[in-house]
Amino acid sequence: MRLRRAIDGEGDLAPDDKGAAGILARCAEVEPRLAEARVLEHRVGARPTRATVRVEEETREDGTVVVHNYGHGGAGVTLSWGCAEEVRALLSVK
C-alpha cells in the first residue's frame, strides 16, 4: 500500500494504515507520549483543489444569492480568514 498524502487529484477514500502510522510516528516525535496513544478511529476525506480558489457570488434565476467559496485544497485553514473577508464583502453590498 503506498503512502498517500495531500496529492492533487487523489480521490481515494479508503483508509491508509501505513499513512496513518506515519502521521502518528511523526506526532510522537514531537510529543513522545503519543506513541502509546490508542487510535479510536480513522477518518478519510477529500480536499478538492482547483487552479484557483473560487470565491464569488452567483444570483440564481429566482433571485437567490449563492456565494461559492471552495477549492482551497489542504490550505483551507490558511486561507480561511481572507476568504471569509471576501465573502463578507460580497454579502455586505446587498
N, C-alpha and C. Protein backbone atom coordinates (compact mmCIF):
# COMPACT_ATOMS: atom_id res chain seq x y z
N MET A 1 0.86 -1.18 0.00
CA MET A 1 0.00 0.00 0.00
C MET A 1 0.90 1.23 0.00
N ARG A 2 0.67 2.14 -0.94
CA ARG A 2 1.52 3.33 -0.99
C ARG A 2 1.03 4.39 -0.02
N LEU A 3 1.94 5.19 0.46
CA LEU A 3 1.62 6.27 1.38
C LEU A 3 0.93 7.39 0.61
N ARG A 4 -0.24 7.78 1.05
CA ARG A 4 -0.98 8.87 0.41
C ARG A 4 -0.93 10.09 1.29
N ARG A 5 -0.62 11.20 0.70
CA ARG A 5 -0.62 12.48 1.40
C ARG A 5 -1.51 13.40 0.60
N ALA A 6 -1.44 14.67 0.88
CA ALA A 6 -2.24 15.64 0.12
C ALA A 6 -1.69 15.70 -1.30
N ILE A 7 -2.32 14.97 -2.19
CA ILE A 7 -1.87 14.90 -3.58
C ILE A 7 -3.01 15.39 -4.46
N ASP A 8 -2.75 16.41 -5.27
CA ASP A 8 -3.78 16.90 -6.18
C ASP A 8 -4.31 15.75 -7.03
N GLY A 9 -5.62 15.69 -7.13
CA GLY A 9 -6.25 14.67 -7.95
C GLY A 9 -6.43 13.34 -7.26
N GLU A 10 -5.89 13.18 -6.07
CA GLU A 10 -6.03 11.92 -5.33
C GLU A 10 -7.41 11.89 -4.69
N GLY A 11 -8.23 10.94 -5.09
CA GLY A 11 -9.59 10.90 -4.57
C GLY A 11 -9.94 9.63 -3.83
N ASP A 12 -8.96 8.77 -3.58
CA ASP A 12 -9.21 7.51 -2.90
C ASP A 12 -9.63 7.77 -1.46
N LEU A 13 -10.77 7.26 -1.07
CA LEU A 13 -11.28 7.47 0.29
C LEU A 13 -11.09 6.25 1.18
N ALA A 14 -10.30 5.28 0.73
CA ALA A 14 -10.03 4.10 1.55
C ALA A 14 -9.02 4.46 2.64
N PRO A 15 -9.20 3.92 3.84
CA PRO A 15 -8.23 4.17 4.91
C PRO A 15 -6.84 3.70 4.49
N ASP A 16 -5.83 4.39 4.94
CA ASP A 16 -4.44 4.10 4.60
C ASP A 16 -3.69 3.84 5.90
N ASP A 17 -3.59 2.58 6.30
CA ASP A 17 -2.97 2.22 7.57
C ASP A 17 -1.52 2.68 7.64
N LYS A 18 -0.78 2.54 6.57
CA LYS A 18 0.63 2.96 6.55
C LYS A 18 0.73 4.48 6.71
N GLY A 19 -0.12 5.19 6.00
CA GLY A 19 -0.13 6.66 6.12
C GLY A 19 -0.49 7.11 7.52
N ALA A 20 -1.49 6.45 8.11
CA ALA A 20 -1.92 6.80 9.47
C ALA A 20 -0.81 6.52 10.48
N ALA A 21 -0.11 5.40 10.31
CA ALA A 21 1.01 5.07 11.20
C ALA A 21 2.12 6.10 11.08
N GLY A 22 2.34 6.58 9.87
CA GLY A 22 3.36 7.61 9.66
C GLY A 22 3.00 8.91 10.35
N ILE A 23 1.73 9.29 10.27
CA ILE A 23 1.27 10.51 10.95
C ILE A 23 1.49 10.37 12.45
N LEU A 24 1.08 9.24 13.01
CA LEU A 24 1.23 9.02 14.45
C LEU A 24 2.71 9.03 14.85
N ALA A 25 3.57 8.42 14.04
CA ALA A 25 5.00 8.39 14.35
C ALA A 25 5.59 9.80 14.34
N ARG A 26 5.21 10.62 13.36
CA ARG A 26 5.74 11.99 13.30
C ARG A 26 5.23 12.82 14.49
N CYS A 27 3.98 12.59 14.88
CA CYS A 27 3.45 13.31 16.04
C CYS A 27 4.16 12.88 17.32
N ALA A 28 4.48 11.58 17.41
CA ALA A 28 5.17 11.07 18.60
C ALA A 28 6.60 11.61 18.70
N GLU A 29 7.18 12.01 17.56
CA GLU A 29 8.50 12.65 17.62
C GLU A 29 8.41 13.99 18.33
N VAL A 30 7.29 14.66 18.19
CA VAL A 30 7.07 15.96 18.84
C VAL A 30 6.61 15.77 20.28
N GLU A 31 5.72 14.81 20.49
CA GLU A 31 5.18 14.52 21.83
C GLU A 31 5.26 13.02 22.05
N PRO A 32 6.34 12.55 22.68
CA PRO A 32 6.57 11.11 22.83
C PRO A 32 5.43 10.32 23.46
N ARG A 33 4.64 10.92 24.33
CA ARG A 33 3.53 10.20 24.95
C ARG A 33 2.51 9.71 23.93
N LEU A 34 2.48 10.32 22.75
CA LEU A 34 1.53 9.90 21.72
C LEU A 34 1.86 8.54 21.13
N ALA A 35 3.10 8.09 21.31
CA ALA A 35 3.49 6.77 20.80
C ALA A 35 2.64 5.66 21.40
N GLU A 36 2.13 5.88 22.61
CA GLU A 36 1.31 4.87 23.29
C GLU A 36 -0.19 5.17 23.17
N ALA A 37 -0.54 6.18 22.40
CA ALA A 37 -1.96 6.56 22.27
C ALA A 37 -2.75 5.46 21.56
N ARG A 38 -3.96 5.26 22.01
CA ARG A 38 -4.87 4.29 21.37
C ARG A 38 -5.65 5.04 20.29
N VAL A 39 -5.57 4.56 19.07
CA VAL A 39 -6.29 5.18 17.96
C VAL A 39 -7.73 4.67 18.00
N LEU A 40 -8.68 5.59 18.12
CA LEU A 40 -10.08 5.22 18.22
C LEU A 40 -10.73 5.00 16.86
N GLU A 41 -10.32 5.77 15.88
CA GLU A 41 -10.89 5.62 14.54
C GLU A 41 -10.03 6.37 13.53
N HIS A 42 -10.22 6.06 12.29
CA HIS A 42 -9.56 6.76 11.20
C HIS A 42 -10.63 7.44 10.37
N ARG A 43 -10.36 8.65 9.96
CA ARG A 43 -11.27 9.37 9.08
C ARG A 43 -10.51 9.76 7.82
N VAL A 44 -11.17 9.61 6.71
CA VAL A 44 -10.56 9.92 5.43
C VAL A 44 -11.45 10.93 4.73
N GLY A 45 -10.86 11.95 4.17
CA GLY A 45 -11.65 12.95 3.46
C GLY A 45 -10.92 13.45 2.24
N ALA A 46 -11.66 14.02 1.34
CA ALA A 46 -11.09 14.59 0.13
C ALA A 46 -11.01 16.10 0.28
N ARG A 47 -9.97 16.67 -0.24
CA ARG A 47 -9.81 18.11 -0.26
C ARG A 47 -9.69 18.54 -1.71
N PRO A 48 -10.82 18.80 -2.33
CA PRO A 48 -10.77 19.15 -3.75
C PRO A 48 -9.95 20.41 -3.98
N THR A 49 -9.21 20.40 -5.04
CA THR A 49 -8.41 21.57 -5.39
C THR A 49 -8.77 22.03 -6.79
N ARG A 50 -8.45 23.26 -7.07
CA ARG A 50 -8.64 23.85 -8.39
C ARG A 50 -7.38 24.66 -8.68
N ALA A 51 -7.28 25.16 -9.89
CA ALA A 51 -6.13 26.02 -10.22
C ALA A 51 -6.16 27.28 -9.37
N THR A 52 -7.35 27.79 -9.07
CA THR A 52 -7.52 28.96 -8.20
C THR A 52 -8.70 28.72 -7.27
N VAL A 53 -8.68 29.35 -6.12
CA VAL A 53 -9.81 29.28 -5.20
C VAL A 53 -10.98 30.05 -5.81
N ARG A 54 -12.17 29.52 -5.66
CA ARG A 54 -13.35 30.22 -6.16
C ARG A 54 -14.07 30.89 -5.01
N VAL A 55 -14.10 32.21 -5.02
CA VAL A 55 -14.88 33.00 -4.07
C VAL A 55 -15.62 34.03 -4.91
N GLU A 56 -16.88 33.75 -5.17
CA GLU A 56 -17.68 34.67 -5.97
C GLU A 56 -19.15 34.41 -5.73
N GLU A 57 -19.95 35.40 -6.06
CA GLU A 57 -21.38 35.24 -5.87
C GLU A 57 -22.05 34.92 -7.18
N GLU A 58 -23.17 34.24 -7.05
CA GLU A 58 -24.00 33.88 -8.20
C GLU A 58 -25.43 34.21 -7.82
N THR A 59 -26.12 34.93 -8.66
CA THR A 59 -27.54 35.19 -8.43
C THR A 59 -28.33 34.26 -9.32
N ARG A 60 -29.13 33.43 -8.70
CA ARG A 60 -29.93 32.45 -9.43
C ARG A 60 -31.15 33.12 -10.05
N GLU A 61 -31.82 32.41 -10.94
CA GLU A 61 -32.99 32.96 -11.64
C GLU A 61 -34.08 33.43 -10.68
N ASP A 62 -34.21 32.77 -9.53
CA ASP A 62 -35.25 33.16 -8.57
C ASP A 62 -34.80 34.29 -7.65
N GLY A 63 -33.59 34.84 -7.88
CA GLY A 63 -33.08 35.94 -7.07
C GLY A 63 -32.25 35.51 -5.88
N THR A 64 -32.19 34.22 -5.61
CA THR A 64 -31.38 33.71 -4.50
C THR A 64 -29.90 33.95 -4.80
N VAL A 65 -29.19 34.49 -3.82
CA VAL A 65 -27.76 34.72 -3.96
C VAL A 65 -27.02 33.55 -3.32
N VAL A 66 -26.12 32.95 -4.08
CA VAL A 66 -25.28 31.87 -3.60
C VAL A 66 -23.84 32.36 -3.67
N VAL A 67 -23.10 32.23 -2.57
CA VAL A 67 -21.69 32.60 -2.57
C VAL A 67 -20.88 31.31 -2.59
N HIS A 68 -20.08 31.16 -3.63
CA HIS A 68 -19.21 30.00 -3.78
C HIS A 68 -17.89 30.30 -3.08
N ASN A 69 -17.41 29.35 -2.29
CA ASN A 69 -16.15 29.52 -1.56
C ASN A 69 -15.53 28.13 -1.41
N TYR A 70 -14.81 27.71 -2.45
CA TYR A 70 -14.23 26.37 -2.41
C TYR A 70 -12.98 26.28 -3.26
N GLY A 71 -12.34 25.11 -3.21
CA GLY A 71 -11.15 24.86 -3.98
C GLY A 71 -9.87 25.17 -3.23
N HIS A 72 -9.95 25.19 -1.90
CA HIS A 72 -8.79 25.55 -1.07
C HIS A 72 -7.79 24.41 -0.92
N GLY A 73 -8.23 23.20 -1.22
CA GLY A 73 -7.34 22.05 -1.03
C GLY A 73 -6.91 21.96 0.42
N GLY A 74 -5.67 21.63 0.65
CA GLY A 74 -5.15 21.49 2.01
C GLY A 74 -4.84 22.82 2.67
N ALA A 75 -5.07 23.93 1.99
CA ALA A 75 -4.74 25.25 2.54
C ALA A 75 -5.97 25.96 3.10
N GLY A 76 -7.04 25.24 3.34
CA GLY A 76 -8.28 25.86 3.79
C GLY A 76 -8.14 26.70 5.04
N VAL A 77 -7.46 26.18 6.05
CA VAL A 77 -7.29 26.93 7.29
C VAL A 77 -6.44 28.17 7.05
N THR A 78 -5.40 28.01 6.25
CA THR A 78 -4.51 29.14 5.95
C THR A 78 -5.26 30.27 5.25
N LEU A 79 -6.15 29.91 4.36
CA LEU A 79 -6.86 30.91 3.55
C LEU A 79 -8.18 31.36 4.15
N SER A 80 -8.62 30.74 5.24
CA SER A 80 -9.97 30.95 5.74
C SER A 80 -10.30 32.40 6.07
N TRP A 81 -9.39 33.12 6.74
CA TRP A 81 -9.70 34.49 7.15
C TRP A 81 -9.86 35.40 5.94
N GLY A 82 -8.96 35.28 4.98
CA GLY A 82 -9.05 36.12 3.79
C GLY A 82 -10.28 35.82 2.96
N CYS A 83 -10.59 34.54 2.82
CA CYS A 83 -11.78 34.15 2.05
C CYS A 83 -13.05 34.58 2.77
N ALA A 84 -13.07 34.44 4.08
CA ALA A 84 -14.24 34.87 4.86
C ALA A 84 -14.45 36.38 4.70
N GLU A 85 -13.37 37.14 4.67
CA GLU A 85 -13.48 38.59 4.47
C GLU A 85 -14.05 38.90 3.08
N GLU A 86 -13.62 38.14 2.07
CA GLU A 86 -14.17 38.35 0.72
C GLU A 86 -15.66 38.03 0.68
N VAL A 87 -16.06 36.95 1.33
CA VAL A 87 -17.48 36.58 1.38
C VAL A 87 -18.28 37.68 2.09
N ARG A 88 -17.76 38.16 3.23
CA ARG A 88 -18.45 39.23 3.96
C ARG A 88 -18.61 40.46 3.07
N ALA A 89 -17.55 40.80 2.35
CA ALA A 89 -17.63 41.97 1.47
C ALA A 89 -18.66 41.76 0.36
N LEU A 90 -18.71 40.57 -0.19
CA LEU A 90 -19.70 40.29 -1.23
C LEU A 90 -21.12 40.43 -0.70
N LEU A 91 -21.36 39.93 0.51
CA LEU A 91 -22.71 39.95 1.06
C LEU A 91 -23.10 41.31 1.62
N SER A 92 -22.12 42.12 2.03
CA SER A 92 -22.46 43.42 2.60
C SER A 92 -22.89 44.43 1.55
N VAL A 93 -22.60 44.16 0.30
CA VAL A 93 -23.00 45.04 -0.80
C VAL A 93 -24.51 44.94 -1.01
N LYS A 94 -25.10 43.85 -0.64
CA LYS A 94 -26.55 43.62 -0.89
C LYS A 94 -27.41 44.52 -0.03
